[in-house]
Amino acid sequence: MQRICPEENDGAELSEKTNIPNLPSKFSQVECNLTVLNNMLISDYREFVCGWGASVINISITFPINKIIFRQMLHGSRVTSAIRDLSSEGFIYLYRGILPPLCQKSISSALMFGLYENVRIPMLDNGFHYLIANAVAAGVAGNAEAVLAPFERIQALLQNTTYNKNFKNMSHAFHVVYSEHGIRELYRGLVPILFRNGPTNFIFFTARDYASAHLPDFKDSKFLSILKNFFIGAMIGAINSTLVYPLNTIKVHMQSKLGGPFQTISGAGVELYEQRGRQLRYFFRGVHMNYTRAFISWGVINVAYEKLKFVLFKIQ
């Protein structure tokens, strides 16, 4: 850890590091430590808030697109067929199932951004290579996000037409699944989620930092700055989502079942492979809509995150 609070330090230098003006040249070690800790906790708190807010904005915009993709994953249908099915069900069902991802993804994004920075920065201060720090921080954040897997599970049931008459809403679905099948059923499909979260977090943050450092700042143009942040988030998100798309297809297949024996990833993959005519390309059915959705979604998240961070970090 870098020594931010030596026993004797120049007042100007310390003021710059702790954001406290006019510090005396000599002061107590305890006072300095408390000040730095307070600033760090405020910063970490804001990282969580920024991640949460960015996700809420994104989900509200992109949920209908996500629902079309889900139907393609589940039934292996074309985009026109999925849109036609949703249109026939009516507007009342269009946003059916939004509450689980709104709860899960907003909290998940808060954990993703907040925990990542909270783990990464101390590791960098202790001399770890930035790639190692990024990988560990991404893994910790990804595993923490996986605790929220029951929300993905309930979303999968609510978006599946098979269960349209079985569940009234999110709370009713949680109650029925838990009371009739136990808590283990809520974590069906957990392993694909664990395999997905850590690597995608690592790719996102590492590529995001690299792109931000090497592209122009555009400090004099708000529009170009927003465009830059959107482009960075959009491109990384689209690539990430495409890489793990077959894994998500398997997860959806596993979570489409209610009750009965649990499947391994390999078992679910083989079953899906047989059901879809032994064609690997069907694991990517819906990928075009998916990377379009991810392009928009992660672009919105990155812009919203940076804007929220700019506003919140100005408030002392």
C-alpha atoms as a PDB file:
ATOM      1  CA  MET A   1       0.000   0.000   0.000  1.00  0.00           C
ATOM      2  CA  GLN A   2       1.316   3.423  -0.870  1.00  0.00           C
ATOM      3  CA  ARG A   3       2.115   5.650   2.089  1.00  0.00           C
ATOM      4  CA  ILE A   4      -0.443   8.403   1.730  1.00  0.00           C
ATOM      5  CA  CYS A   5      -0.064   9.581   5.325  1.00  0.00           C
ATOM      6  CA  PRO A   6       3.583   9.797   6.416  1.00  0.00           C
ATOM      7  CA  GLU A   7       4.236  11.117   9.883  1.00  0.00           C
ATOM      8  CA  GLU A   8       5.568  14.351   8.422  1.00  0.00           C
ATOM      9  CA  ASN A   9       4.459  15.555   5.054  1.00  0.00           C
ATOM     10  CA  ASP A  10       4.253  18.720   3.073  1.00  0.00           C
ATOM     11  CA  GLY A  11       0.842  20.329   3.537  1.00  0.00           C
ATOM     12  CA  ALA A  12       0.316  21.075  -0.170  1.00  0.00           C
ATOM     13  CA  GLU A  13       1.234  17.534  -1.212  1.00  0.00           C
ATOM     14  CA  LEU A  14      -1.102  15.980   1.332  1.00  0.00           C
ATOM     15  CA  SER A  15      -3.911  18.369   0.497  1.00  0.00           C
ATOM     16  CA  GLU A  16      -3.703  17.204  -3.117  1.00  0.00           C
ATOM     17  CA  LYS A  17      -3.845  13.521  -2.153  1.00  0.00           C
ATOM     18  CA  THR A  18      -6.670  13.776   0.353  1.00  0.00           C
ATOM     19  CA  ASN A  19      -8.690  16.572  -1.305  1.00  0.00           C
ATOM     20  CA  ILE A  20      -8.575  18.593   1.927  1.00  0.00           C
ATOM     21  CA  PRO A  21      -7.334  22.170   1.507  1.00  0.00           C
ATOM     22  CA  ASN A  22      -4.916  24.018   3.788  1.00  0.00           C
ATOM     23  CA  LEU A  23      -3.650  21.069   5.799  1.00  0.00           C
ATOM     24  CA  PRO A  24      -0.889  21.924   8.283  1.00  0.00           C
ATOM     25  CA  SER A  25       2.552  20.550   7.537  1.00  0.00           C
ATOM     26  CA  LYS A  26       2.439  18.362  10.681  1.00  0.00           C
ATOM     27  CA  PHE A  27      -0.608  16.559  12.018  1.00  0.00           C
ATOM     28  CA  SER A  28      -1.541  13.310  13.711  1.00  0.00           C
ATOM     29  CA  GLN A  29      -1.283  10.024  11.829  1.00  0.00           C
ATOM     30  CA  VAL A  30      -4.703   9.005  13.135  1.00  0.00           C
ATOM     31  CA  GLU A  31      -6.387  12.126  11.786  1.00  0.00           C
ATOM     32  CA  CYS A  32      -4.873  11.587   8.354  1.00  0.00           C
ATOM     33  CA  ASN A  33      -5.853   7.924   8.221  1.00  0.00           C
ATOM     34  CA  LEU A  34      -9.437   8.728   9.176  1.00  0.00           C
ATOM     35  CA  THR A  35      -9.613  11.438   6.517  1.00  0.00           C
ATOM     36  CA  VAL A  36      -8.310   9.182   3.753  1.00  0.00           C
ATOM     37  CA  LEU A  37     -10.600   6.336   4.850  1.00  0.00           C
ATOM     38  CA  ASN A  38     -13.591   8.679   4.795  1.00  0.00           C
ATOM     39  CA  ASN A  39     -12.754   9.868   1.271  1.00  0.00           C
ATOM     40  CA  MET A  40     -12.288   6.276   0.106  1.00  0.00           C
ATOM     41  CA  LEU A  41     -15.643   5.136   1.546  1.00  0.00           C
ATOM     42  CA  ILE A  42     -17.446   8.070  -0.103  1.00  0.00           C
ATOM     43  CA  SER A  43     -15.776   7.209  -3.421  1.00  0.00           C
ATOM     44  CA  ASP A  44     -16.693   3.521  -3.139  1.00  0.00           C
ATOM     45  CA  TYR A  45     -20.278   4.380  -2.230  1.00  0.00           C
ATOM     46  CA  ARG A  46     -20.566   6.518  -5.337  1.00  0.00           C
ATOM     47  CA  GLU A  47     -19.191   3.753  -7.559  1.00  0.00           C
ATOM     48  CA  PHE A  48     -22.037   1.500  -6.381  1.00  0.00           C
ATOM     49  CA  VAL A  49     -24.640   4.228  -6.979  1.00  0.00           C
ATOM     50  CA  CYS A  50     -23.294   4.988 -10.467  1.00  0.00           C
ATOM     51  CA  GLY A  51     -23.414   1.321 -11.459  1.00  0.00           C
ATOM     52  CA  TRP A  52     -26.954   0.939 -10.118  1.00  0.00           C
ATOM     53  CA  GLY A  53     -28.292   4.059 -11.812  1.00  0.00           C
ATOM     54  CA  ALA A  54     -26.704   3.260 -15.166  1.00  0.00           C
ATOM     55  CA  SER A  55     -28.341  -0.165 -15.182  1.00  0.00           C
ATOM     56  CA  VAL A  56     -31.820   1.164 -14.325  1.00  0.00           C
ATOM     57  CA  ILE A  57     -31.631   3.605 -17.246  1.00  0.00           C
ATOM     58  CA  ASN A  58     -30.451   0.872 -19.597  1.00  0.00           C
ATOM     59  CA  ILE A  59     -33.054  -1.764 -18.661  1.00  0.00           C
ATOM     60  CA  SER A  60     -35.936   0.657 -19.067  1.00  0.00           C
ATOM     61  CA  ILE A  61     -34.813   1.294 -22.665  1.00  0.00           C
ATOM     62  CA  THR A  62     -33.744  -2.162 -23.859  1.00  0.00           C
ATOM     63  CA  PHE A  63     -36.130  -4.624 -22.159  1.00  0.00           C
ATOM     64  CA  PRO A  64     -38.404  -5.225 -25.186  1.00  0.00           C
ATOM     65  CA  ILE A  65     -35.361  -6.081 -27.332  1.00  0.00           C
ATOM     66  CA  ASN A  66     -34.132  -8.459 -24.645  1.00  0.00           C
ATOM     67  CA  LYS A  67     -37.494 -10.219 -24.595  1.00  0.00           C
ATOM     68  CA  ILE A  68     -37.344 -10.857 -28.344  1.00  0.00           C
ATOM     69  CA  ILE A  69     -33.866 -12.358 -27.925  1.00  0.00           C
ATOM     70  CA  PHE A  70     -35.077 -14.569 -25.069  1.00  0.00           C
ATOM     71  CA  ARG A  71     -37.848 -16.025 -27.228  1.00  0.00           C
ATOM     72  CA  GLN A  72     -35.322 -16.789 -29.967  1.00  0.00           C
ATOM     73  CA  MET A  73     -33.032 -18.512 -27.470  1.00  0.00           C
ATOM     74  CA  LEU A  74     -35.885 -20.524 -26.000  1.00  0.00           C
ATOM     75  CA  HIS A  75     -37.655 -21.635 -29.181  1.00  0.00           C
ATOM     76  CA  GLY A  76     -34.926 -21.277 -31.798  1.00  0.00           C
ATOM     77  CA  SER A  77     -37.278 -19.060 -33.804  1.00  0.00           C
ATOM     78  CA  ARG A  78     -36.446 -16.233 -36.181  1.00  0.00           C
ATOM     79  CA  VAL A  79     -36.659 -12.588 -35.133  1.00  0.00           C
ATOM     80  CA  THR A  80     -39.815 -11.961 -37.198  1.00  0.00           C
ATOM     81  CA  SER A  81     -41.549 -14.916 -35.553  1.00  0.00           C
ATOM     82  CA  ALA A  82     -40.554 -13.746 -32.060  1.00  0.00           C
ATOM     83  CA  ILE A  83     -41.822 -10.214 -32.771  1.00  0.00           C
ATOM     84  CA  ARG A  84     -45.075 -11.603 -34.164  1.00  0.00           C
ATOM     85  CA  ASP A  85     -45.603 -13.726 -31.034  1.00  0.00           C
ATOM     86  CA  LEU A  86     -45.039 -10.743 -28.723  1.00  0.00           C
ATOM     87  CA  SER A  87     -47.366  -8.592 -30.826  1.00  0.00           C
ATOM     88  CA  SER A  88     -50.123 -11.197 -30.629  1.00  0.00           C
ATOM     89  CA  GLU A  89     -49.817 -11.322 -26.834  1.00  0.00           C
ATOM     90  CA  GLY A  90     -50.436  -7.584 -26.554  1.00  0.00           C
ATOM     91  CA  PHE A  91     -48.726  -4.645 -24.844  1.00  0.00           C
ATOM     92  CA  ILE A  92     -49.724  -5.838 -21.367  1.00  0.00           C
ATOM     93  CA  TYR A  93     -47.267  -8.744 -21.705  1.00  0.00           C
ATOM     94  CA  LEU A  94     -44.481  -6.719 -23.372  1.00  0.00           C
ATOM     95  CA  TYR A  95     -42.979  -5.569 -20.073  1.00  0.00           C
ATOM     96  CA  ARG A  96     -44.027  -8.699 -18.190  1.00  0.00           C
ATOM     97  CA  GLY A  97     -40.928  -9.940 -16.392  1.00  0.00           C
ATOM     98  CA  ILE A  98     -39.153  -6.565 -16.205  1.00  0.00           C
ATOM     99  CA  LEU A  99     -39.079  -6.438 -12.395  1.00  0.00           C
ATOM    100  CA  PRO A 100     -36.638  -9.365 -11.928  1.00  0.00           C
ATOM    101  CA  PRO A 101     -33.983  -7.922 -14.299  1.00  0.00           C
ATOM    102  CA  LEU A 102     -34.628  -4.442 -12.907  1.00  0.00           C
ATOM    103  CA  CYS A 103     -33.848  -5.745  -9.419  1.00  0.00           C
ATOM    104  CA  GLN A 104     -31.134  -8.205 -10.421  1.00  0.00           C
ATOM    105  CA  LYS A 105     -29.246  -6.223 -13.046  1.00  0.00           C
ATOM    106  CA  SER A 106     -29.308  -2.914 -11.197  1.00  0.00           C
ATOM    107  CA  ILE A 107     -27.901  -4.517  -8.043  1.00  0.00           C
ATOM    108  CA  SER A 108     -25.581  -6.633 -10.176  1.00  0.00           C
ATOM    109  CA  SER A 109     -24.187  -3.538 -11.916  1.00  0.00           C
ATOM    110  CA  ALA A 110     -23.753  -1.826  -8.559  1.00  0.00           C
ATOM    111  CA  LEU A 111     -21.703  -4.829  -7.388  1.00  0.00           C
ATOM    112  CA  MET A 112     -19.858  -5.045 -10.685  1.00  0.00           C
ATOM    113  CA  PHE A 113     -18.623  -1.440 -10.686  1.00  0.00           C
ATOM    114  CA  GLY A 114     -18.352  -0.977  -6.921  1.00  0.00           C
ATOM    115  CA  LEU A 115     -16.618  -4.214  -5.939  1.00  0.00           C
ATOM    116  CA  TYR A 116     -14.335  -4.145  -8.965  1.00  0.00           C
ATOM    117  CA  GLU A 117     -12.842  -0.799  -7.981  1.00  0.00           C
ATOM    118  CA  ASN A 118     -12.845  -1.679  -4.286  1.00  0.00           C
ATOM    119  CA  VAL A 119     -10.760  -4.804  -4.921  1.00  0.00           C
ATOM    120  CA  ARG A 120      -8.582  -3.565  -7.788  1.00  0.00           C
ATOM    121  CA  ILE A 121      -7.251  -0.337  -6.280  1.00  0.00           C
ATOM    122  CA  PRO A 122      -5.822  -1.878  -3.058  1.00  0.00           C
ATOM    123  CA  MET A 123      -4.141  -4.600  -5.138  1.00  0.00           C
ATOM    124  CA  LEU A 124      -2.539  -1.998  -7.409  1.00  0.00           C
ATOM    125  CA  ASP A 125      -1.392  -0.050  -4.340  1.00  0.00           C
ATOM    126  CA  ASN A 126       0.285  -3.211  -3.071  1.00  0.00           C
ATOM    127  CA  GLY A 127       2.276  -3.635  -6.284  1.00  0.00           C
ATOM    128  CA  PHE A 128       0.272  -6.283  -8.156  1.00  0.00           C
ATOM    129  CA  HIS A 129       0.433  -6.233 -11.942  1.00  0.00           C
ATOM    130  CA  TYR A 130      -2.598  -4.433 -13.326  1.00  0.00           C
ATOM    131  CA  LEU A 131      -3.786  -7.493 -15.291  1.00  0.00           C
ATOM    132  CA  ILE A 132      -3.659  -9.674 -12.164  1.00  0.00           C
ATOM    133  CA  ALA A 133      -5.490  -6.998 -10.167  1.00  0.00           C
ATOM    134  CA  ASN A 134      -8.087  -6.671 -12.939  1.00  0.00           C
ATOM    135  CA  ALA A 135      -8.611 -10.440 -13.148  1.00  0.00           C
ATOM    136  CA  VAL A 136      -9.015 -10.923  -9.390  1.00  0.00           C
ATOM    137  CA  ALA A 137     -11.317  -7.908  -9.052  1.00  0.00           C
ATOM    138  CA  ALA A 138     -13.420  -9.086 -12.015  1.00  0.00           C
ATOM    139  CA  GLY A 139     -13.691 -12.574 -10.524  1.00  0.00           C
ATOM    140  CA  VAL A 140     -14.722 -11.294  -7.099  1.00  0.00           C
ATOM    141  CA  ALA A 141     -17.330  -8.970  -8.610  1.00  0.00           C
ATOM    142  CA  GLY A 142     -18.616 -11.722 -10.919  1.00  0.00           C
ATOM    143  CA  ASN A 143     -19.017 -14.252  -8.115  1.00  0.00           C
ATOM    144  CA  ALA A 144     -20.807 -11.669  -5.974  1.00  0.00           C
ATOM    145  CA  GLU A 145     -23.184 -10.941  -8.861  1.00  0.00           C
ATOM    146  CA  ALA A 146     -23.997 -14.662  -9.115  1.00  0.00           C
ATOM    147  CA  VAL A 147     -25.711 -14.485  -5.712  1.00  0.00           C
ATOM    148  CA  LEU A 148     -28.513 -12.712  -7.584  1.00  0.00           C
ATOM    149  CA  ALA A 149     -29.049 -15.682  -9.926  1.00  0.00           C
ATOM    150  CA  PRO A 150     -32.607 -16.321  -8.591  1.00  0.00           C
ATOM    151  CA  PHE A 151     -33.725 -13.123 -10.334  1.00  0.00           C
ATOM    152  CA  GLU A 152     -32.475 -14.479 -13.691  1.00  0.00           C
ATOM    153  CA  ARG A 153     -34.224 -17.749 -12.878  1.00  0.00           C
ATOM    154  CA  ILE A 154     -37.573 -16.066 -12.220  1.00  0.00           C
ATOM    155  CA  GLN A 155     -37.183 -13.830 -15.273  1.00  0.00           C
ATOM    156  CA  ALA A 156     -36.704 -16.935 -17.435  1.00  0.00           C
ATOM    157  CA  LEU A 157     -39.945 -18.427 -16.104  1.00  0.00           C
ATOM    158  CA  LEU A 158     -41.938 -15.209 -16.504  1.00  0.00           C
ATOM    159  CA  GLN A 159     -40.766 -14.711 -20.095  1.00  0.00           C
ATOM    160  CA  ASN A 160     -41.571 -18.301 -21.059  1.00  0.00           C
ATOM    161  CA  THR A 161     -45.059 -18.590 -22.608  1.00  0.00           C
ATOM    162  CA  THR A 162     -45.396 -22.045 -21.055  1.00  0.00           C
ATOM    163  CA  TYR A 163     -45.782 -20.448 -17.636  1.00  0.00           C
ATOM    164  CA  ASN A 164     -47.893 -17.396 -18.582  1.00  0.00           C
ATOM    165  CA  LYS A 165     -50.853 -18.825 -16.618  1.00  0.00           C
ATOM    166  CA  ASN A 166     -48.793 -20.235 -13.743  1.00  0.00           C
ATOM    167  CA  PHE A 167     -47.377 -17.030 -12.261  1.00  0.00           C
ATOM    168  CA  LYS A 168     -49.068 -13.683 -11.690  1.00  0.00           C
ATOM    169  CA  ASN A 169     -45.932 -11.645 -11.101  1.00  0.00           C
ATOM    170  CA  MET A 170     -42.391 -11.817  -9.716  1.00  0.00           C
ATOM    171  CA  SER A 171     -43.303 -12.181  -6.044  1.00  0.00           C
ATOM    172  CA  HIS A 172     -45.867 -14.890  -6.836  1.00  0.00           C
ATOM    173  CA  ALA A 173     -43.317 -16.765  -8.951  1.00  0.00           C
ATOM    174  CA  PHE A 174     -40.725 -16.572  -6.160  1.00  0.00           C
ATOM    175  CA  HIS A 175     -43.267 -17.869  -3.651  1.00  0.00           C
ATOM    176  CA  VAL A 176     -44.410 -20.782  -5.834  1.00  0.00           C
ATOM    177  CA  VAL A 177     -40.923 -21.890  -6.862  1.00  0.00           C
ATOM    178  CA  TYR A 178     -39.521 -21.659  -3.334  1.00  0.00           C
ATOM    179  CA  SER A 179     -42.478 -23.287  -1.573  1.00  0.00           C
ATOM    180  CA  GLU A 180     -42.898 -26.137  -4.070  1.00  0.00           C
ATOM    181  CA  HIS A 181     -39.285 -26.801  -5.099  1.00  0.00           C
ATOM    182  CA  GLY A 182     -37.019 -25.213  -2.482  1.00  0.00           C
ATOM    183  CA  ILE A 183     -34.245 -22.657  -2.682  1.00  0.00           C
ATOM    184  CA  ARG A 184     -32.065 -24.937  -4.831  1.00  0.00           C
ATOM    185  CA  GLU A 185     -34.518 -24.550  -7.713  1.00  0.00           C
ATOM    186  CA  LEU A 186     -33.970 -20.791  -7.638  1.00  0.00           C
ATOM    187  CA  TYR A 187     -30.303 -21.395  -8.476  1.00  0.00           C
ATOM    188  CA  ARG A 188     -30.899 -23.654 -11.463  1.00  0.00           C
ATOM    189  CA  GLY A 189     -28.461 -22.531 -14.146  1.00  0.00           C
ATOM    190  CA  LEU A 190     -25.953 -21.094 -11.658  1.00  0.00           C
ATOM    191  CA  VAL A 191     -22.838 -22.703 -13.160  1.00  0.00           C
ATOM    192  CA  PRO A 192     -23.163 -21.037 -16.601  1.00  0.00           C
ATOM    193  CA  ILE A 193     -23.650 -17.721 -14.806  1.00  0.00           C
ATOM    194  CA  LEU A 194     -20.429 -18.215 -12.827  1.00  0.00           C
ATOM    195  CA  PHE A 195     -18.516 -19.133 -15.989  1.00  0.00           C
ATOM    196  CA  ARG A 196     -19.903 -16.047 -17.724  1.00  0.00           C
ATOM    197  CA  ASN A 197     -19.574 -13.256 -15.158  1.00  0.00           C
ATOM    198  CA  GLY A 198     -15.886 -13.226 -14.258  1.00  0.00           C
ATOM    199  CA  PRO A 199     -14.400 -13.399 -17.782  1.00  0.00           C
ATOM    200  CA  THR A 200     -16.834 -10.844 -19.230  1.00  0.00           C
ATOM    201  CA  ASN A 201     -16.127  -8.432 -16.361  1.00  0.00           C
ATOM    202  CA  PHE A 202     -12.390  -8.779 -16.976  1.00  0.00           C
ATOM    203  CA  ILE A 203     -12.718  -8.152 -20.714  1.00  0.00           C
ATOM    204  CA  PHE A 204     -15.055  -5.193 -20.201  1.00  0.00           C
ATOM    205  CA  PHE A 205     -13.005  -3.281 -17.637  1.00  0.00           C
ATOM    206  CA  THR A 206      -9.589  -4.033 -19.127  1.00  0.00           C
ATOM    207  CA  ALA A 207     -10.628  -3.107 -22.678  1.00  0.00           C
ATOM    208  CA  ARG A 208     -12.559  -0.087 -21.381  1.00  0.00           C
ATOM    209  CA  ASP A 209      -9.532   1.288 -19.525  1.00  0.00           C
ATOM    210  CA  TYR A 210      -7.277   0.686 -22.530  1.00  0.00           C
ATOM    211  CA  ALA A 211      -9.655   2.361 -24.980  1.00  0.00           C
ATOM    212  CA  SER A 212     -10.280   5.327 -22.673  1.00  0.00           C
ATOM    213  CA  ALA A 213      -6.528   5.884 -22.293  1.00  0.00           C
ATOM    214  CA  HIS A 214      -5.727   5.692 -26.014  1.00  0.00           C
ATOM    215  CA  LEU A 215      -8.668   7.525 -27.572  1.00  0.00           C
ATOM    216  CA  PRO A 216      -8.801  11.367 -27.569  1.00  0.00           C
ATOM    217  CA  ASP A 217     -10.321  13.004 -24.470  1.00  0.00           C
ATOM    218  CA  PHE A 218     -12.633  15.445 -26.298  1.00  0.00           C
ATOM    219  CA  LYS A 219     -12.735  17.641 -23.196  1.00  0.00           C
ATOM    220  CA  ASP A 220     -13.927  20.615 -25.243  1.00  0.00           C
ATOM    221  CA  SER A 221     -16.904  18.800 -26.761  1.00  0.00           C
ATOM    222  CA  LYS A 222     -19.614  17.208 -24.620  1.00  0.00           C
ATOM    223  CA  PHE A 223     -21.176  15.553 -27.650  1.00  0.00           C
ATOM    224  CA  LEU A 224     -17.933  13.904 -28.775  1.00  0.00           C
ATOM    225  CA  SER A 225     -17.175  12.853 -25.187  1.00  0.00           C
ATOM    226  CA  ILE A 226     -20.588  11.167 -24.930  1.00  0.00           C
ATOM    227  CA  LEU A 227     -20.087   9.572 -28.349  1.00  0.00           C
ATOM    228  CA  LYS A 228     -16.680   8.251 -27.269  1.00  0.00           C
ATOM    229  CA  ASN A 229     -18.063   6.711 -24.064  1.00  0.00           C
ATOM    230  CA  PHE A 230     -21.000   5.216 -25.947  1.00  0.00           C
ATOM    231  CA  PHE A 231     -18.745   3.725 -28.622  1.00  0.00           C
ATOM    232  CA  ILE A 232     -16.360   2.190 -26.057  1.00  0.00           C
ATOM    233  CA  GLY A 233     -19.130   0.583 -24.027  1.00  0.00           C
ATOM    234  CA  ALA A 234     -21.091  -0.469 -27.104  1.00  0.00           C
ATOM    235  CA  MET A 235     -18.218  -2.207 -28.896  1.00  0.00           C
ATOM    236  CA  ILE A 236     -16.942  -4.062 -25.830  1.00  0.00           C
ATOM    237  CA  GLY A 237     -20.471  -5.062 -24.817  1.00  0.00           C
ATOM    238  CA  ALA A 238     -21.328  -6.371 -28.291  1.00  0.00           C
ATOM    239  CA  ILE A 239     -18.130  -8.450 -28.478  1.00  0.00           C
ATOM    240  CA  ASN A 240     -18.542  -9.747 -24.937  1.00  0.00           C
ATOM    241  CA  SER A 241     -22.153 -10.791 -25.393  1.00  0.00           C
ATOM    242  CA  THR A 242     -21.365 -12.579 -28.671  1.00  0.00           C
ATOM    243  CA  LEU A 243     -18.500 -14.559 -27.105  1.00  0.00           C
ATOM    244  CA  VAL A 244     -20.701 -15.923 -24.315  1.00  0.00           C
ATOM    245  CA  TYR A 245     -23.921 -16.226 -26.338  1.00  0.00           C
ATOM    246  CA  PRO A 246     -23.845 -20.050 -26.618  1.00  0.00           C
ATOM    247  CA  LEU A 247     -23.325 -20.233 -22.846  1.00  0.00           C
ATOM    248  CA  ASN A 248     -26.366 -18.016 -22.304  1.00  0.00           C
ATOM    249  CA  THR A 249     -28.385 -20.184 -24.696  1.00  0.00           C
ATOM    250  CA  ILE A 250     -27.536 -23.239 -22.594  1.00  0.00           C
ATOM    251  CA  LYS A 251     -28.429 -21.311 -19.413  1.00  0.00           C
ATOM    252  CA  VAL A 252     -31.841 -20.377 -20.832  1.00  0.00           C
ATOM    253  CA  HIS A 253     -32.437 -24.009 -21.794  1.00  0.00           C
ATOM    254  CA  MET A 254     -31.557 -25.173 -18.271  1.00  0.00           C
ATOM    255  CA  GLN A 255     -33.768 -22.518 -16.667  1.00  0.00           C
ATOM    256  CA  SER A 256     -36.745 -23.240 -18.930  1.00  0.00           C
ATOM    257  CA  LYS A 257     -37.411 -26.339 -16.822  1.00  0.00           C
ATOM    258  CA  LEU A 258     -39.248 -26.258 -13.502  1.00  0.00           C
ATOM    259  CA  GLY A 259     -38.615 -29.152 -11.162  1.00  0.00           C
ATOM    260  CA  GLY A 260     -36.990 -32.443 -12.027  1.00  0.00           C
ATOM    261  CA  PRO A 261     -33.292 -33.348 -12.100  1.00  0.00           C
ATOM    262  CA  PHE A 262     -30.627 -30.693 -12.544  1.00  0.00           C
ATOM    263  CA  GLN A 263     -28.483 -30.770 -15.664  1.00  0.00           C
ATOM    264  CA  THR A 264     -24.784 -30.164 -16.079  1.00  0.00           C
ATOM    265  CA  ILE A 265     -23.630 -27.652 -18.692  1.00  0.00           C
ATOM    266  CA  SER A 266     -22.382 -30.470 -20.907  1.00  0.00           C
ATOM    267  CA  GLY A 267     -25.608 -32.441 -20.466  1.00  0.00           C
ATOM    268  CA  ALA A 268     -27.775 -29.431 -21.302  1.00  0.00           C
ATOM    269  CA  GLY A 269     -25.540 -28.592 -24.267  1.00  0.00           C
ATOM    270  CA  VAL A 270     -25.799 -32.096 -25.730  1.00  0.00           C
ATOM    271  CA  GLU A 271     -29.564 -32.154 -25.219  1.00  0.00           C
ATOM    272  CA  LEU A 272     -29.949 -28.797 -26.943  1.00  0.00           C
ATOM    273  CA  TYR A 273     -27.637 -29.918 -29.747  1.00  0.00           C
ATOM    274  CA  GLU A 274     -29.856 -32.954 -30.375  1.00  0.00           C
ATOM    275  CA  GLN A 275     -33.090 -30.958 -30.170  1.00  0.00           C
ATOM    276  CA  ARG A 276     -31.866 -28.460 -32.750  1.00  0.00           C
ATOM    277  CA  GLY A 277     -30.913 -30.952 -35.413  1.00  0.00           C
ATOM    278  CA  ARG A 278     -27.244 -31.324 -34.486  1.00  0.00           C
ATOM    279  CA  GLN A 279     -26.537 -27.838 -35.848  1.00  0.00           C
ATOM    280  CA  LEU A 280     -24.082 -25.738 -33.824  1.00  0.00           C
ATOM    281  CA  ARG A 281     -25.241 -22.594 -35.580  1.00  0.00           C
ATOM    282  CA  TYR A 282     -28.578 -22.898 -33.774  1.00  0.00           C
ATOM    283  CA  PHE A 283     -26.745 -22.137 -30.521  1.00  0.00           C
ATOM    284  CA  PHE A 284     -26.308 -18.673 -32.037  1.00  0.00           C
ATOM    285  CA  ARG A 285     -29.955 -18.237 -33.049  1.00  0.00           C
ATOM    286  CA  GLY A 286     -30.836 -14.707 -31.998  1.00  0.00           C
ATOM    287  CA  VAL A 287     -27.214 -13.531 -31.842  1.00  0.00           C
ATOM    288  CA  HIS A 288     -27.865 -10.689 -34.308  1.00  0.00           C
ATOM    289  CA  MET A 289     -30.533  -9.170 -32.093  1.00  0.00           C
ATOM    290  CA  ASN A 290     -28.359  -9.921 -29.087  1.00  0.00           C
ATOM    291  CA  TYR A 291     -25.291  -7.998 -30.211  1.00  0.00           C
ATOM    292  CA  THR A 292     -27.556  -5.167 -31.395  1.00  0.00           C
ATOM    293  CA  ARG A 293     -29.157  -5.082 -27.952  1.00  0.00           C
ATOM    294  CA  ALA A 294     -25.752  -5.355 -26.248  1.00  0.00           C
ATOM    295  CA  PHE A 295     -24.341  -2.607 -28.457  1.00  0.00           C
ATOM    296  CA  ILE A 296     -27.122  -0.230 -27.400  1.00  0.00           C
ATOM    297  CA  SER A 297     -27.278  -1.503 -23.814  1.00  0.00           C
ATOM    298  CA  TRP A 298     -23.586  -1.246 -22.925  1.00  0.00           C
ATOM    299  CA  GLY A 299     -23.270   2.028 -24.783  1.00  0.00           C
ATOM    300  CA  VAL A 300     -26.087   3.450 -22.643  1.00  0.00           C
ATOM    301  CA  ILE A 301     -24.603   1.944 -19.464  1.00  0.00           C
ATOM    302  CA  ASN A 302     -21.156   3.388 -20.095  1.00  0.00           C
ATOM    303  CA  VAL A 303     -22.471   6.873 -20.905  1.00  0.00           C
ATOM    304  CA  ALA A 304     -24.870   6.869 -17.955  1.00  0.00           C
ATOM    305  CA  TYR A 305     -22.161   5.581 -15.607  1.00  0.00           C
ATOM    306  CA  GLU A 306     -19.674   8.261 -16.655  1.00  0.00           C
ATOM    307  CA  LYS A 307     -22.287  11.017 -16.395  1.00  0.00           C
ATOM    308  CA  LEU A 308     -23.490   9.860 -12.969  1.00  0.00           C
ATOM    309  CA  LYS A 309     -19.896   9.556 -11.810  1.00  0.00           C
ATOM    310  CA  PHE A 310     -19.122  13.064 -13.037  1.00  0.00           C
ATOM    311  CA  VAL A 311     -22.079  14.484 -11.107  1.00  0.00           C
ATOM    312  CA  LEU A 312     -21.770  12.456  -7.906  1.00  0.00           C
ATOM    313  CA  PHE A 313     -18.005  12.775  -7.543  1.00  0.00           C
ATOM    314  CA  LYS A 314     -18.316  16.562  -7.706  1.00  0.00           C
ATOM    315  CA  ILE A 315     -20.454  16.477  -4.540  1.00  0.00           C
ATOM    316  CA  GLN A 316     -18.266  16.475  -1.446  1.00  0.00           C
END
